[in-house]
């Protein structure tokens, strides 16, 4: 599915993945992305207005997360 939307994927052996992450915990999945910018919003309309959308750029997507923890 990722490839279909223009997102590059790569499979690695678990040891190589550990090297890639600097031995940080990864649960066998890693996402490499550009710097993440944070924005403060009061409602979903503000989020949509703040996004710079370019529908012709493959692989571009936005992931909105709230309250994520990893016990």
Protein backbone atom coordinates (compact mmCIF):
# COMPACT_ATOMS: atom_id res chain seq x y z
CA UNK A 1 0.00 0.00 0.00
CA UNK A 2 2.84 2.39 0.84
CA UNK A 3 4.48 1.83 -2.54
CA UNK A 4 1.15 2.45 -4.28
CA UNK A 5 1.07 5.94 -2.73
CA UNK A 6 4.70 6.73 -3.58
CA UNK A 7 6.17 6.03 -0.13
CA UNK A 8 9.52 4.26 -0.35
CA UNK A 9 9.83 1.09 1.71
CA UNK A 10 12.81 -1.04 2.59
CA UNK A 11 13.06 -4.35 4.42
CA UNK A 12 16.02 -4.89 6.77
CA UNK A 13 17.24 -7.70 8.99
CA UNK A 14 16.48 -7.05 12.65
CA UNK A 15 20.18 -6.50 13.50
CA UNK A 16 20.61 -3.98 10.68
CA UNK A 17 17.42 -2.19 11.77
CA UNK A 18 18.90 -1.90 15.27
CA UNK A 19 22.04 -0.34 13.78
CA UNK A 20 19.88 2.05 11.74
CA UNK A 21 18.06 3.25 14.87
CA UNK A 22 21.20 3.54 16.98
CA UNK A 23 19.97 0.61 19.12
CA UNK A 24 16.89 2.60 20.23
CA UNK A 25 13.65 0.61 20.68
CA UNK A 26 11.81 0.20 17.37
CA UNK A 27 9.35 -2.74 17.54
CA UNK A 28 10.65 -3.84 14.10
CA UNK A 29 9.15 -0.80 12.33
CA UNK A 30 10.86 2.54 11.63
CA UNK A 31 9.70 5.63 9.76
CA UNK A 32 12.30 8.04 8.47
CA UNK A 33 10.81 11.47 7.88
CA UNK A 34 11.69 15.10 7.59
CA UNK A 35 11.73 17.23 10.73
CA UNK A 36 8.39 17.24 12.49
CA UNK A 37 6.92 20.67 13.17
CA UNK A 38 4.38 21.11 15.93
CA UNK A 39 1.39 23.39 15.75
CA UNK A 40 -1.08 24.39 18.43
CA UNK A 41 -4.71 24.22 17.32
CA UNK A 42 -8.13 24.61 18.89
CA UNK A 43 -10.17 22.70 16.29
CA UNK A 44 -9.83 20.57 13.15
CA UNK A 45 -10.52 23.58 10.90
CA UNK A 46 -7.33 25.23 12.15
CA UNK A 47 -5.38 22.07 11.35
CA UNK A 48 -6.67 21.96 7.77
CA UNK A 49 -5.93 25.66 7.24
CA UNK A 50 -2.35 25.27 8.51
CA UNK A 51 -1.44 22.40 6.14
CA UNK A 52 0.45 23.14 2.95
CA UNK A 53 -1.24 20.69 0.62
CA UNK A 54 0.26 19.79 -2.76
CA UNK A 55 -1.94 17.14 -4.37
CA UNK A 56 0.60 16.57 -7.17
CA UNK A 57 3.44 15.53 -4.85
CA UNK A 58 3.52 11.69 -4.54
CA UNK A 59 4.16 10.18 -1.14
CA UNK A 60 2.96 13.24 0.76
CA UNK A 61 0.64 12.58 3.65
CA UNK A 62 -0.14 14.01 7.05
CA UNK A 63 -0.33 12.01 10.24
CA UNK A 64 -2.15 13.63 13.16
CA UNK A 65 -1.50 12.02 16.54
CA UNK A 66 -2.69 12.88 20.03
CA UNK A 67 -1.89 11.29 23.38
CA UNK A 68 0.54 8.68 22.03
CA UNK A 69 2.45 6.77 24.69
CA UNK A 70 4.69 3.71 24.62
CA UNK A 71 4.66 1.89 27.96
